Every structure is written in structure tokens, then in C-alpha cells.
Amino acid sequence: MAKILAVDDSRTIREMVSTILGNLGHEVIVACDGAEAMNIARDTTVDLVLTDINMPNINGISLVYKLRRLDAYKSVPILMLTTETADFKKEKSKNMGANGWIQKPFDAGRLEKAVTTMLT
């Protein structure tokens, strides 16, 4: 199964994503913000990144931009997992290199489907 980096400042969301994806057999690495995620990304390559947008230190859009500058992350799928609904934020995320968008709140089925789609 896949190694997935889940980045969210909400411990509840990190735990939910870890549980849902862990139950599918994926290895989930969690980070509480973009700065921690970048530290992880410099040492570990993953198969998929899920990130929130609104986080302290480095927000999700900036994280996508920074990840895409790392050779190991140029083609790793990145999904935004956020409460944001603004079209300009979706467009900016896409322009920075995000591959998709999952609206919070989400259910297990929708997360599983999005992750499976990105990994195939």
C-alpha cells in the first residue's frame, strides 16, 4: 500500500485521516503544519500528500509550492483537504501544483475514493 503524508493543524482531522487510510492498509505520516511537513518531506518521499490550506507557519498553498520544488515531489499527487470554498483558492492551489480538492467535512468513502483515484 501507499505511504501518505497528511498535513493539518487539527489533531482530530489528522487522527481521522490516519484511521481511515490506515484501515485501508496505507502508512500515514502526519504533520501539524507546513513547516513540519517540509521537514518530513526532506527526509522521506511519500506516494501522496493530503494538506489543509489554513495552517500556521507554512499554509497549504505555500506547502504545495515548496514541495513541487523538491525533485522527489515533482510528480507526487497532492490533494487539498480543506473547508475553503473560494474558487480563487482552488485555482491558486492548482497553479501551485495541487492535483485535487476534497471539501471538509468529508466522509470515509469520499476520502477513500479520492485517495484511490490519485494513487492509480
PDB file of N, CA and C in Angstrom:
ATOM      1  N   MET A   1       0.842  -1.194   0.000  1.00  0.00           N
ATOM      2  CA  MET A   1       0.000   0.000   0.000  1.00  0.00           C
ATOM      3  C   MET A   1       0.881   1.249   0.000  1.00  0.00           C
ATOM      4  N   ALA A   2       0.247   2.394   0.019  1.00  0.00           N
ATOM      5  CA  ALA A   2       0.950   3.665  -0.166  1.00  0.00           C
ATOM      6  C   ALA A   2       1.397   4.281   1.157  1.00  0.00           C
ATOM      7  N   LYS A   3       2.419   5.145   1.033  1.00  0.00           N
ATOM      8  CA  LYS A   3       2.861   5.982   2.152  1.00  0.00           C
ATOM      9  C   LYS A   3       2.278   7.361   1.886  1.00  0.00           C
ATOM     10  N   ILE A   4       1.516   7.879   2.854  1.00  0.00           N
ATOM     11  CA  ILE A   4       0.760   9.125   2.683  1.00  0.00           C
ATOM     12  C   ILE A   4       1.140  10.117   3.778  1.00  0.00           C
ATOM     13  N   LEU A   5       1.398  11.353   3.381  1.00  0.00           N
ATOM     14  CA  LEU A   5       1.656  12.435   4.322  1.00  0.00           C
ATOM     15  C   LEU A   5       0.376  13.247   4.472  1.00  0.00           C
ATOM     16  N   ALA A   6      -0.163  13.301   5.689  1.00  0.00           N
ATOM     17  CA  ALA A   6      -1.380  14.055   5.987  1.00  0.00           C
ATOM     18  C   ALA A   6      -1.007  15.264   6.839  1.00  0.00           C
ATOM     19  N   VAL A   7      -1.319  16.454   6.332  1.00  0.00           N
ATOM     20  CA  VAL A   7      -0.909  17.701   6.981  1.00  0.00           C
ATOM     21  C   VAL A   7      -2.150  18.508   7.349  1.00  0.00           C
ATOM     22  N   ASP A   8      -2.348  18.724   8.639  1.00  0.00           N
ATOM     23  CA  ASP A   8      -3.495  19.506   9.103  1.00  0.00           C
ATOM     24  C   ASP A   8      -3.209  19.981  10.512  1.00  0.00           C
ATOM     25  N   ASP A   9      -3.577  21.216  10.814  1.00  0.00           N
ATOM     26  CA  ASP A   9      -3.360  21.723  12.160  1.00  0.00           C
ATOM     27  C   ASP A   9      -4.384  21.195  13.158  1.00  0.00           C
ATOM     28  N   SER A  10      -5.415  20.532  12.692  1.00  0.00           N
ATOM     29  CA  SER A  10      -6.418  19.929  13.568  1.00  0.00           C
ATOM     30  C   SER A  10      -6.023  18.484  13.896  1.00  0.00           C
ATOM     31  N   ARG A  11      -5.783  18.233  15.175  1.00  0.00           N
ATOM     32  CA  ARG A  11      -5.438  16.878  15.602  1.00  0.00           C
ATOM     33  C   ARG A  11      -6.557  15.905  15.252  1.00  0.00           C
ATOM     34  N   THR A  12      -7.800  16.341  15.373  1.00  0.00           N
ATOM     35  CA  THR A  12      -8.947  15.491  15.057  1.00  0.00           C
ATOM     36  C   THR A  12      -8.926  15.054  13.595  1.00  0.00           C
ATOM     37  N   ILE A  13      -8.652  15.974  12.700  1.00  0.00           N
ATOM     38  CA  ILE A  13      -8.585  15.641  11.267  1.00  0.00           C
ATOM     39  C   ILE A  13      -7.414  14.706  11.008  1.00  0.00           C
ATOM     40  N   ARG A  14      -6.254  14.987  11.601  1.00  0.00           N
ATOM     41  CA  ARG A  14      -5.090  14.102  11.410  1.00  0.00           C
ATOM     42  C   ARG A  14      -5.418  12.679  11.860  1.00  0.00           C
ATOM     43  N   GLU A  15      -6.057  12.567  13.010  1.00  0.00           N
ATOM     44  CA  GLU A  15      -6.411  11.244  13.533  1.00  0.00           C
ATOM     45  C   GLU A  15      -7.448  10.558  12.641  1.00  0.00           C
ATOM     46  N   MET A  16      -8.432  11.304  12.156  1.00  0.00           N
ATOM     47  CA  MET A  16      -9.460  10.734  11.290  1.00  0.00           C
ATOM     48  C   MET A  16      -8.843  10.211   9.996  1.00  0.00           C
ATOM     49  N   VAL A  17      -8.013  11.033   9.367  1.00  0.00           N
ATOM     50  CA  VAL A  17      -7.362  10.627   8.116  1.00  0.00           C
ATOM     51  C   VAL A  17      -6.475   9.407   8.361  1.00  0.00           C
ATOM     52  N   SER A  18      -5.714   9.423   9.449  1.00  0.00           N
ATOM     53  CA  SER A  18      -4.846   8.289   9.778  1.00  0.00           C
ATOM     54  C   SER A  18      -5.641   7.008   9.967  1.00  0.00           C
ATOM     55  N   THR A  19      -6.750   7.104  10.663  1.00  0.00           N
ATOM     56  CA  THR A  19      -7.574   5.920  10.927  1.00  0.00           C
ATOM     57  C   THR A  19      -8.191   5.391   9.639  1.00  0.00           C
ATOM     58  N   ILE A  20      -8.808   6.276   8.870  1.00  0.00           N
ATOM     59  CA  ILE A  20      -9.478   5.845   7.629  1.00  0.00           C
ATOM     60  C   ILE A  20      -8.475   5.211   6.669  1.00  0.00           C
ATOM     61  N   LEU A  21      -7.370   5.895   6.444  1.00  0.00           N
ATOM     62  CA  LEU A  21      -6.401   5.395   5.465  1.00  0.00           C
ATOM     63  C   LEU A  21      -5.574   4.238   6.025  1.00  0.00           C
ATOM     64  N   GLY A  22      -5.319   4.265   7.313  1.00  0.00           N
ATOM     65  CA  GLY A  22      -4.625   3.148   7.958  1.00  0.00           C
ATOM     66  C   GLY A  22      -5.432   1.862   7.874  1.00  0.00           C
ATOM     67  N   ASN A  23      -6.754   1.979   8.024  1.00  0.00           N
ATOM     68  CA  ASN A  23      -7.622   0.809   7.908  1.00  0.00           C
ATOM     69  C   ASN A  23      -7.619   0.215   6.509  1.00  0.00           C
ATOM     70  N   LEU A  24      -7.222   1.017   5.523  1.00  0.00           N
ATOM     71  CA  LEU A  24      -7.108   0.530   4.146  1.00  0.00           C
ATOM     72  C   LEU A  24      -5.728  -0.073   3.868  1.00  0.00           C
ATOM     73  N   GLY A  25      -4.852  -0.014   4.879  1.00  0.00           N
ATOM     74  CA  GLY A  25      -3.525  -0.590   4.740  1.00  0.00           C
ATOM     75  C   GLY A  25      -2.433   0.401   4.382  1.00  0.00           C
ATOM     76  N   HIS A  26      -2.775   1.677   4.287  1.00  0.00           N
ATOM     77  CA  HIS A  26      -1.778   2.694   3.960  1.00  0.00           C
ATOM     78  C   HIS A  26      -0.975   3.063   5.205  1.00  0.00           C
ATOM     79  N   GLU A  27       0.266   3.464   4.989  1.00  0.00           N
ATOM     80  CA  GLU A  27       1.090   4.018   6.058  1.00  0.00           C
ATOM     81  C   GLU A  27       0.884   5.526   6.037  1.00  0.00           C
ATOM     82  N   VAL A  28       0.435   6.090   7.140  1.00  0.00           N
ATOM     83  CA  VAL A  28       0.134   7.522   7.195  1.00  0.00           C
ATOM     84  C   VAL A  28       1.112   8.212   8.141  1.00  0.00           C
ATOM     85  N   ILE A  29       1.779   9.222   7.609  1.00  0.00           N
ATOM     86  CA  ILE A  29       2.667  10.079   8.384  1.00  0.00           C
ATOM     87  C   ILE A  29       1.931  11.396   8.553  1.00  0.00           C
ATOM     88  N   VAL A  30       1.883  11.920   9.771  1.00  0.00           N
ATOM     89  CA  VAL A  30       1.136  13.158   9.999  1.00  0.00           C
ATOM     90  C   VAL A  30       2.072  14.309  10.346  1.00  0.00           C
ATOM     91  N   ALA A  31       1.630  15.511   9.964  1.00  0.00           N
ATOM     92  CA  ALA A  31       2.322  16.750  10.304  1.00  0.00           C
ATOM     93  C   ALA A  31       1.268  17.772  10.694  1.00  0.00           C
ATOM     94  N   CYS A  32       1.602  18.640  11.661  1.00  0.00           N
ATOM     95  CA  CYS A  32       0.621  19.608  12.169  1.00  0.00           C
ATOM     96  C   CYS A  32       0.620  20.921  11.401  1.00  0.00           C
ATOM     97  N   ASP A  33       1.599  21.142  10.527  1.00  0.00           N
ATOM     98  CA  ASP A  33       1.629  22.348   9.703  1.00  0.00           C
ATOM     99  C   ASP A  33       2.605  22.149   8.553  1.00  0.00           C
ATOM    100  N   GLY A  34       2.686  23.139   7.688  1.00  0.00           N
ATOM    101  CA  GLY A  34       3.546  23.023   6.522  1.00  0.00           C
ATOM    102  C   GLY A  34       5.027  22.960   6.850  1.00  0.00           C
ATOM    103  N   ALA A  35       5.436  23.614   7.919  1.00  0.00           N
ATOM    104  CA  ALA A  35       6.849  23.586   8.306  1.00  0.00           C
ATOM    105  C   ALA A  35       7.250  22.167   8.705  1.00  0.00           C
ATOM    106  N   GLU A  36       6.433  21.525   9.515  1.00  0.00           N
ATOM    107  CA  GLU A  36       6.726  20.143   9.908  1.00  0.00           C
ATOM    108  C   GLU A  36       6.675  19.223   8.684  1.00  0.00           C
ATOM    109  N   ALA A  37       5.723  19.460   7.805  1.00  0.00           N
ATOM    110  CA  ALA A  37       5.615  18.652   6.588  1.00  0.00           C
ATOM    111  C   ALA A  37       6.872  18.783   5.726  1.00  0.00           C
ATOM    112  N   MET A  38       7.408  19.976   5.600  1.00  0.00           N
ATOM    113  CA  MET A  38       8.625  20.168   4.806  1.00  0.00           C
ATOM    114  C   MET A  38       9.801  19.433   5.440  1.00  0.00           C
ATOM    115  N   ASN A  39       9.894  19.447   6.753  1.00  0.00           N
ATOM    116  CA  ASN A  39      10.963  18.695   7.420  1.00  0.00           C
ATOM    117  C   ASN A  39      10.849  17.207   7.117  1.00  0.00           C
ATOM    118  N   ILE A  40       9.633  16.698   7.137  1.00  0.00           N
ATOM    119  CA  ILE A  40       9.399  15.283   6.819  1.00  0.00           C
ATOM    120  C   ILE A  40       9.739  15.026   5.358  1.00  0.00           C
ATOM    121  N   ALA A  41       9.289  15.900   4.471  1.00  0.00           N
ATOM    122  CA  ALA A  41       9.476  15.709   3.030  1.00  0.00           C
ATOM    123  C   ALA A  41      10.950  15.715   2.634  1.00  0.00           C
ATOM    124  N   ARG A  42      11.759  16.447   3.352  1.00  0.00           N
ATOM    125  CA  ARG A  42      13.188  16.477   3.028  1.00  0.00           C
ATOM    126  C   ARG A  42      13.870  15.145   3.334  1.00  0.00           C
ATOM    127  N   ASP A  43      13.292  14.381   4.269  1.00  0.00           N
ATOM    128  CA  ASP A  43      13.880  13.104   4.687  1.00  0.00           C
ATOM    129  C   ASP A  43      13.166  11.880   4.130  1.00  0.00           C
ATOM    130  N   THR A  44      11.914  12.038   3.733  1.00  0.00           N
ATOM    131  CA  THR A  44      11.081  10.902   3.341  1.00  0.00           C
ATOM    132  C   THR A  44      10.281  11.254   2.095  1.00  0.00           C
ATOM    133  N   THR A  45      10.247  10.334   1.158  1.00  0.00           N
ATOM    134  CA  THR A  45       9.381  10.514  -0.005  1.00  0.00           C
ATOM    135  C   THR A  45       8.111   9.711   0.220  1.00  0.00           C
ATOM    136  N   VAL A  46       6.985  10.310  -0.092  1.00  0.00           N
ATOM    137  CA  VAL A  46       5.694   9.633   0.065  1.00  0.00           C
ATOM    138  C   VAL A  46       5.037   9.470  -1.304  1.00  0.00           C
ATOM    139  N   ASP A  47       3.958   8.709  -1.326  1.00  0.00           N
ATOM    140  CA  ASP A  47       3.226   8.465  -2.571  1.00  0.00           C
ATOM    141  C   ASP A  47       2.097   9.455  -2.794  1.00  0.00           C
ATOM    142  N   LEU A  48       1.684  10.152  -1.728  1.00  0.00           N
ATOM    143  CA  LEU A  48       0.564  11.089  -1.793  1.00  0.00           C
ATOM    144  C   LEU A  48       0.655  12.048  -0.622  1.00  0.00           C
ATOM    145  N   VAL A  49       0.287  13.313  -0.866  1.00  0.00           N
ATOM    146  CA  VAL A  49       0.209  14.313   0.198  1.00  0.00           C
ATOM    147  C   VAL A  49      -1.231  14.818   0.265  1.00  0.00           C
ATOM    148  N   LEU A  50      -1.772  14.863   1.477  1.00  0.00           N
ATOM    149  CA  LEU A  50      -3.067  15.497   1.757  1.00  0.00           C
ATOM    150  C   LEU A  50      -2.760  16.687   2.651  1.00  0.00           C
ATOM    151  N   THR A  51      -3.215  17.878   2.263  1.00  0.00           N
ATOM    152  CA  THR A  51      -2.922  19.037   3.102  1.00  0.00           C
ATOM    153  C   THR A  51      -4.102  19.991   3.214  1.00  0.00           C
ATOM    154  N   ASP A  52      -4.237  20.528   4.397  1.00  0.00           N
ATOM    155  CA  ASP A  52      -5.178  21.613   4.660  1.00  0.00           C
ATOM    156  C   ASP A  52      -4.588  22.889   4.055  1.00  0.00           C
ATOM    157  N   ILE A  53      -5.383  23.922   3.933  1.00  0.00           N
ATOM    158  CA  ILE A  53      -4.867  25.213   3.453  1.00  0.00           C
ATOM    159  C   ILE A  53      -4.513  26.115   4.625  1.00  0.00           C
ATOM    160  N   ASN A  54      -5.451  26.321   5.527  1.00  0.00           N
ATOM    161  CA  ASN A  54      -5.263  27.283   6.613  1.00  0.00           C
ATOM    162  C   ASN A  54      -4.553  26.632   7.792  1.00  0.00           C
ATOM    163  N   MET A  55      -3.240  26.876   7.862  1.00  0.00           N
ATOM    164  CA  MET A  55      -2.413  26.333   8.945  1.00  0.00           C
ATOM    165  C   MET A  55      -1.384  27.384   9.334  1.00  0.00           C
ATOM    166  N   PRO A  56      -0.878  27.296  10.562  1.00  0.00           N
ATOM    167  CA  PRO A  56       0.178  28.220  10.977  1.00  0.00           C
ATOM    168  C   PRO A  56       1.503  27.877  10.296  1.00  0.00           C
ATOM    169  N   ASN A  57       2.440  28.784  10.397  1.00  0.00           N
ATOM    170  CA  ASN A  57       3.809  28.642   9.888  1.00  0.00           C
ATOM    171  C   ASN A  57       3.852  28.627   8.365  1.00  0.00           C
ATOM    172  N   ILE A  58       3.584  27.514   7.730  1.00  0.00           N
ATOM    173  CA  ILE A  58       3.510  27.446   6.265  1.00  0.00           C
ATOM    174  C   ILE A  58       2.123  26.937   5.911  1.00  0.00           C
ATOM    175  N   ASN A  59       1.331  27.738   5.188  1.00  0.00           N
ATOM    176  CA  ASN A  59      -0.019  27.297   4.835  1.00  0.00           C
ATOM    177  C   ASN A  59       0.037  26.260   3.709  1.00  0.00           C
ATOM    178  N   GLY A  60      -1.102  25.658   3.414  1.00  0.00           N
ATOM    179  CA  GLY A  60      -1.159  24.577   2.443  1.00  0.00           C
ATOM    180  C   GLY A  60      -0.772  24.957   1.034  1.00  0.00           C
ATOM    181  N   ILE A  61      -1.161  26.141   0.591  1.00  0.00           N
ATOM    182  CA  ILE A  61      -0.820  26.576  -0.763  1.00  0.00           C
ATOM    183  C   ILE A  61       0.691  26.785  -0.873  1.00  0.00           C
ATOM    184  N   SER A  62       1.289  27.403   0.120  1.00  0.00           N
ATOM    185  CA  SER A  62       2.740  27.572   0.134  1.00  0.00           C
ATOM    186  C   SER A  62       3.451  26.230   0.233  1.00  0.00           C
ATOM    187  N   LEU A  63       2.869  25.305   0.990  1.00  0.00           N
ATOM    188  CA  LEU A  63       3.442  23.965   1.102  1.00  0.00           C
ATOM    189  C   LEU A  63       3.483  23.280  -0.255  1.00  0.00           C
ATOM    190  N   VAL A  64       2.391  23.362  -1.002  1.00  0.00           N
ATOM    191  CA  VAL A  64       2.362  22.752  -2.339  1.00  0.00           C
ATOM    192  C   VAL A  64       3.481  23.350  -3.191  1.00  0.00           C
ATOM    193  N   TYR A  65       3.603  24.660  -3.174  1.00  0.00           N
ATOM    194  CA  TYR A  65       4.644  25.341  -3.946  1.00  0.00           C
ATOM    195  C   TYR A  65       6.035  24.832  -3.554  1.00  0.00           C
ATOM    196  N   LYS A  66       6.297  24.745  -2.258  1.00  0.00           N
ATOM    197  CA  LYS A  66       7.616  24.312  -1.769  1.00  0.00           C
ATOM    198  C   LYS A  66       7.872  22.834  -2.090  1.00  0.00           C
ATOM    199  N   LEU A  67       6.851  21.998  -1.942  1.00  0.00           N
ATOM    200  CA  LEU A  67       7.027  20.576  -2.263  1.00  0.00           C
ATOM    201  C   LEU A  67       7.364  20.381  -3.732  1.00  0.00           C
ATOM    202  N   ARG A  68       6.715  21.124  -4.599  1.00  0.00           N
ATOM    203  CA  ARG A  68       6.949  20.977  -6.039  1.00  0.00           C
ATOM    204  C   ARG A  68       8.366  21.400  -6.434  1.00  0.00           C
ATOM    205  N   ARG A  69       9.079  22.103  -5.577  1.00  0.00           N
ATOM    206  CA  ARG A  69      10.456  22.487  -5.863  1.00  0.00           C
ATOM    207  C   ARG A  69      11.444  21.401  -5.454  1.00  0.00           C
ATOM    208  N   LEU A  70      10.981  20.397  -4.710  1.00  0.00           N
ATOM    209  CA  LEU A  70      11.836  19.265  -4.340  1.00  0.00           C
ATOM    210  C   LEU A  70      11.762  18.226  -5.449  1.00  0.00           C
ATOM    211  N   ASP A  71      12.893  17.761  -5.923  1.00  0.00           N
ATOM    212  CA  ASP A  71      12.913  16.785  -7.012  1.00  0.00           C
ATOM    213  C   ASP A  71      12.034  15.575  -6.722  1.00  0.00           C
ATOM    214  N   ALA A  72      12.077  15.074  -5.497  1.00  0.00           N
ATOM    215  CA  ALA A  72      11.323  13.871  -5.137  1.00  0.00           C
ATOM    216  C   ALA A  72       9.808  14.094  -5.147  1.00  0.00           C
ATOM    217  N   TYR A  73       9.366  15.349  -5.143  1.00  0.00           N
ATOM    218  CA  TYR A  73       7.936  15.655  -5.057  1.00  0.00           C
ATOM    219  C   TYR A  73       7.373  16.314  -6.319  1.00  0.00           C
ATOM    220  N   LYS A  74       8.139  16.342  -7.381  1.00  0.00           N
ATOM    221  CA  LYS A  74       7.664  16.983  -8.607  1.00  0.00           C
ATOM    222  C   LYS A  74       6.416  16.307  -9.174  1.00  0.00           C
ATOM    223  N   SER A  75       6.297  14.990  -8.981  1.00  0.00           N
ATOM    224  CA  SER A  75       5.146  14.277  -9.554  1.00  0.00           C
ATOM    225  C   SER A  75       4.300  13.545  -8.517  1.00  0.00           C
ATOM    226  N   VAL A  76       4.559  13.772  -7.240  1.00  0.00           N
ATOM    227  CA  VAL A  76       3.743  13.158  -6.186  1.00  0.00           C
ATOM    228  C   VAL A  76       2.375  13.838  -6.159  1.00  0.00           C
ATOM    229  N   PRO A  77       1.282  13.067  -6.205  1.00  0.00           N
ATOM    230  CA  PRO A  77      -0.042  13.695  -6.152  1.00  0.00           C
ATOM    231  C   PRO A  77      -0.253  14.444  -4.824  1.00  0.00           C
ATOM    232  N   ILE A  78      -0.869  15.622  -4.923  1.00  0.00           N
ATOM    233  CA  ILE A  78      -1.177  16.430  -3.740  1.00  0.00           C
ATOM    234  C   ILE A  78      -2.650  16.791  -3.783  1.00  0.00           C
ATOM    235  N   LEU A  79      -3.356  16.438  -2.711  1.00  0.00           N
ATOM    236  CA  LEU A  79      -4.774  16.772  -2.569  1.00  0.00           C
ATOM    237  C   LEU A  79      -4.947  17.798  -1.462  1.00  0.00           C
ATOM    238  N   MET A  80      -5.709  18.839  -1.744  1.00  0.00           N
ATOM    239  CA  MET A  80      -6.060  19.827  -0.732  1.00  0.00           C
ATOM    240  C   MET A  80      -7.275  19.278   0.020  1.00  0.00           C
ATOM    241  N   LEU A  81      -7.215  19.287   1.331  1.00  0.00           N
ATOM    242  CA  LEU A  81      -8.287  18.789   2.186  1.00  0.00           C
ATOM    243  C   LEU A  81      -8.664  19.948   3.101  1.00  0.00           C
ATOM    244  N   THR A  82      -9.744  20.683   2.754  1.00  0.00           N
ATOM    245  CA  THR A  82      -9.957  21.980   3.406  1.00  0.00           C
ATOM    246  C   THR A  82     -11.428  22.373   3.481  1.00  0.00           C
ATOM    247  N   THR A  83     -11.707  23.317   4.355  1.00  0.00           N
ATOM    248  CA  THR A  83     -13.044  23.900   4.446  1.00  0.00           C
ATOM    249  C   THR A  83     -13.217  25.045   3.453  1.00  0.00           C
ATOM    250  N   GLU A  84     -12.123  25.483   2.843  1.00  0.00           N
ATOM    251  CA  GLU A  84     -12.180  26.601   1.894  1.00  0.00           C
ATOM    252  C   GLU A  84     -13.081  26.258   0.709  1.00  0.00           C
ATOM    253  N   THR A  85     -13.846  27.240   0.266  1.00  0.00           N
ATOM    254  CA  THR A  85     -14.720  27.024  -0.888  1.00  0.00           C
ATOM    255  C   THR A  85     -14.460  28.038  -2.005  1.00  0.00           C
ATOM    256  N   ALA A  86     -13.609  29.005  -1.740  1.00  0.00           N
ATOM    257  CA  ALA A  86     -13.374  30.079  -2.714  1.00  0.00           C
ATOM    258  C   ALA A  86     -12.695  29.548  -3.976  1.00  0.00           C
ATOM    259  N   ASP A  87     -13.277  29.870  -5.115  1.00  0.00           N
ATOM    260  CA  ASP A  87     -12.730  29.429  -6.399  1.00  0.00           C
ATOM    261  C   ASP A  87     -11.306  29.929  -6.616  1.00  0.00           C
ATOM    262  N   PHE A  88     -10.996  31.142  -6.167  1.00  0.00           N
ATOM    263  CA  PHE A  88      -9.650  31.669  -6.393  1.00  0.00           C
ATOM    264  C   PHE A  88      -8.613  30.866  -5.605  1.00  0.00           C
ATOM    265  N   LYS A  89      -8.998  30.329  -4.443  1.00  0.00           N
ATOM    266  CA  LYS A  89      -8.057  29.497  -3.683  1.00  0.00           C
ATOM    267  C   LYS A  89      -7.870  28.148  -4.367  1.00  0.00           C
ATOM    268  N   LYS A  90      -8.943  27.611  -4.934  1.00  0.00           N
ATOM    269  CA  LYS A  90      -8.822  26.362  -5.695  1.00  0.00           C
ATOM    270  C   LYS A  90      -7.898  26.579  -6.888  1.00  0.00           C
ATOM    271  N   GLU A  91      -8.088  27.689  -7.583  1.00  0.00           N
ATOM    272  CA  GLU A  91      -7.270  27.999  -8.756  1.00  0.00           C
ATOM    273  C   GLU A  91      -5.809  28.206  -8.357  1.00  0.00           C
ATOM    274  N   LYS A  92      -5.585  28.921  -7.261  1.00  0.00           N
ATOM    275  CA  LYS A  92      -4.221  29.164  -6.806  1.00  0.00           C
ATOM    276  C   LYS A  92      -3.551  27.849  -6.415  1.00  0.00           C
ATOM    277  N   SER A  93      -4.286  26.984  -5.733  1.00  0.00           N
ATOM    278  CA  SER A  93      -3.753  25.675  -5.354  1.00  0.00           C
ATOM    279  C   SER A  93      -3.359  24.880  -6.590  1.00  0.00           C
ATOM    280  N   LYS A  94      -4.232  24.881  -7.572  1.00  0.00           N
ATOM    281  CA  LYS A  94      -3.964  24.169  -8.820  1.00  0.00           C
ATOM    282  C   LYS A  94      -2.733  24.761  -9.512  1.00  0.00           C
ATOM    283  N   ASN A  95      -2.642  26.078  -9.553  1.00  0.00           N
ATOM    284  CA  ASN A  95      -1.496  26.729 -10.189  1.00  0.00           C
ATOM    285  C   ASN A  95      -0.179  26.435  -9.482  1.00  0.00           C
ATOM    286  N   MET A  96      -0.238  26.179  -8.187  1.00  0.00           N
ATOM    287  CA  MET A  96       0.965  25.839  -7.422  1.00  0.00           C
ATOM    288  C   MET A  96       1.356  24.375  -7.605  1.00  0.00           C
ATOM    289  N   GLY A  97       0.395  23.559  -8.093  1.00  0.00           N
ATOM    290  CA  GLY A  97       0.722  22.156  -8.353  1.00  0.00           C
ATOM    291  C   GLY A  97      -0.165  21.139  -7.688  1.00  0.00           C
ATOM    292  N   ALA A  98      -1.236  21.576  -7.005  1.00  0.00           N
ATOM    293  CA  ALA A  98      -2.161  20.615  -6.386  1.00  0.00           C
ATOM    294  C   ALA A  98      -2.924  19.857  -7.470  1.00  0.00           C
ATOM    295  N   ASN A  99      -3.211  18.595  -7.200  1.00  0.00           N
ATOM    296  CA  ASN A  99      -3.893  17.743  -8.174  1.00  0.00           C
ATOM    297  C   ASN A  99      -5.393  17.617  -7.946  1.00  0.00           C
ATOM    298  N   GLY A 100      -5.859  17.979  -6.751  1.00  0.00           N
ATOM    299  CA  GLY A 100      -7.278  17.829  -6.472  1.00  0.00           C
ATOM    300  C   GLY A 100      -7.670  18.510  -5.176  1.00  0.00           C
ATOM    301  N   TRP A 101      -8.966  18.398  -4.848  1.00  0.00           N
ATOM    302  CA  TRP A 101      -9.567  19.151  -3.746  1.00  0.00           C
ATOM    303  C   TRP A 101     -10.625  18.287  -3.090  1.00  0.00           C
ATOM    304  N   ILE A 102     -10.554  18.142  -1.785  1.00  0.00           N
ATOM    305  CA  ILE A 102     -11.598  17.456  -1.026  1.00  0.00           C
ATOM    306  C   ILE A 102     -12.138  18.452  -0.017  1.00  0.00           C
ATOM    307  N   GLN A 103     -13.427  18.666  -0.082  1.00  0.00           N
ATOM    308  CA  GLN A 103     -14.082  19.626   0.809  1.00  0.00           C
ATOM    309  C   GLN A 103     -14.352  19.001   2.174  1.00  0.00           C
ATOM    310  N   LYS A 104     -14.000  19.719   3.251  1.00  0.00           N
ATOM    311  CA  LYS A 104     -14.391  19.330   4.606  1.00  0.00           C
ATOM    312  C   LYS A 104     -15.774  19.890   4.872  1.00  0.00           C
ATOM    313  N   PRO A 105     -16.613  19.242   5.623  1.00  0.00           N
ATOM    314  CA  PRO A 105     -16.383  17.904   6.160  1.00  0.00           C
ATOM    315  C   PRO A 105     -16.484  16.847   5.068  1.00  0.00           C
ATOM    316  N   PHE A 106     -15.789  15.753   5.268  1.00  0.00           N
ATOM    317  CA  PHE A 106     -15.778  14.662   4.308  1.00  0.00           C
ATOM    318  C   PHE A 106     -16.142  13.382   5.047  1.00  0.00           C
ATOM    319  N   ASP A 107     -16.521  12.370   4.295  1.00  0.00           N
ATOM    320  CA  ASP A 107     -16.766  11.070   4.918  1.00  0.00           C
ATOM    321  C   ASP A 107     -15.698  10.097   4.440  1.00  0.00           C
ATOM    322  N   ALA A 108     -15.636   8.955   5.080  1.00  0.00           N
ATOM    323  CA  ALA A 108     -14.607   7.967   4.772  1.00  0.00           C
ATOM    324  C   ALA A 108     -14.658   7.542   3.306  1.00  0.00           C
ATOM    325  N   GLY A 109     -15.839   7.338   2.787  1.00  0.00           N
ATOM    326  CA  GLY A 109     -15.986   6.890   1.407  1.00  0.00           C
ATOM    327  C   GLY A 109     -15.420   7.877   0.406  1.00  0.00           C
ATOM    328  N   ARG A 110     -15.689   9.140   0.623  1.00  0.00           N
ATOM    329  CA  ARG A 110     -15.187  10.165  -0.295  1.00  0.00           C
ATOM    330  C   ARG A 110     -13.663  10.276  -0.222  1.00  0.00           C
ATOM    331  N   LEU A 111     -13.126  10.185   0.981  1.00  0.00           N
ATOM    332  CA  LEU A 111     -11.669  10.234   1.143  1.00  0.00           C
ATOM    333  C   LEU A 111     -11.026   9.019   0.483  1.00  0.00           C
ATOM    334  N   GLU A 112     -11.568   7.840   0.739  1.00  0.00           N
ATOM    335  CA  GLU A 112     -11.038   6.612   0.140  1.00  0.00           C
ATOM    336  C   GLU A 112     -11.044   6.696  -1.384  1.00  0.00           C
ATOM    337  N   LYS A 113     -12.151   7.171  -1.953  1.00  0.00           N
ATOM    338  CA  LYS A 113     -12.269   7.268  -3.408  1.00  0.00           C
ATOM    339  C   LYS A 113     -11.232   8.242  -3.968  1.00  0.00           C
ATOM    340  N   ALA A 114     -11.083   9.404  -3.351  1.00  0.00           N
ATOM    341  CA  ALA A 114     -10.128  10.401  -3.829  1.00  0.00           C
ATOM    342  C   ALA A 114      -8.700   9.880  -3.758  1.00  0.00           C
ATOM    343  N   VAL A 115      -8.367   9.239  -2.656  1.00  0.00           N
ATOM    344  CA  VAL A 115      -7.017   8.699  -2.479  1.00  0.00           C
ATOM    345  C   VAL A 115      -6.759   7.596  -3.506  1.00  0.00           C
ATOM    346  N   THR A 116      -7.698   6.711  -3.671  1.00  0.00           N
ATOM    347  CA  THR A 116      -7.539   5.616  -4.648  1.00  0.00           C
ATOM    348  C   THR A 116      -7.364   6.172  -6.057  1.00  0.00           C
ATOM    349  N   THR A 117      -8.150   7.182  -6.404  1.00  0.00           N
ATOM    350  CA  THR A 117      -8.037   7.808  -7.723  1.00  0.00           C
ATOM    351  C   THR A 117      -6.641   8.415  -7.914  1.00  0.00           C
ATOM    352  N   MET A 118      -6.137   9.107  -6.906  1.00  0.00           N
ATOM    353  CA  MET A 118      -4.834   9.756  -7.026  1.00  0.00           C
ATOM    354  C   MET A 118      -3.684   8.748  -7.097  1.00  0.00           C
ATOM    355  N   LEU A 119      -3.865   7.589  -6.497  1.00  0.00           N
ATOM    356  CA  LEU A 119      -2.794   6.594  -6.443  1.00  0.00           C
ATOM    357  C   LEU A 119      -2.780   5.650  -7.639  1.00  0.00           C
ATOM    358  N   THR A 120      -3.814   5.722  -8.479  1.00  0.00           N
ATOM    359  CA  THR A 120      -3.846   4.810  -9.636  1.00  0.00           C
ATOM    360  C   THR A 120      -3.509   5.520 -10.920  1.00  0.00           C
TER     361      THR A 120
END
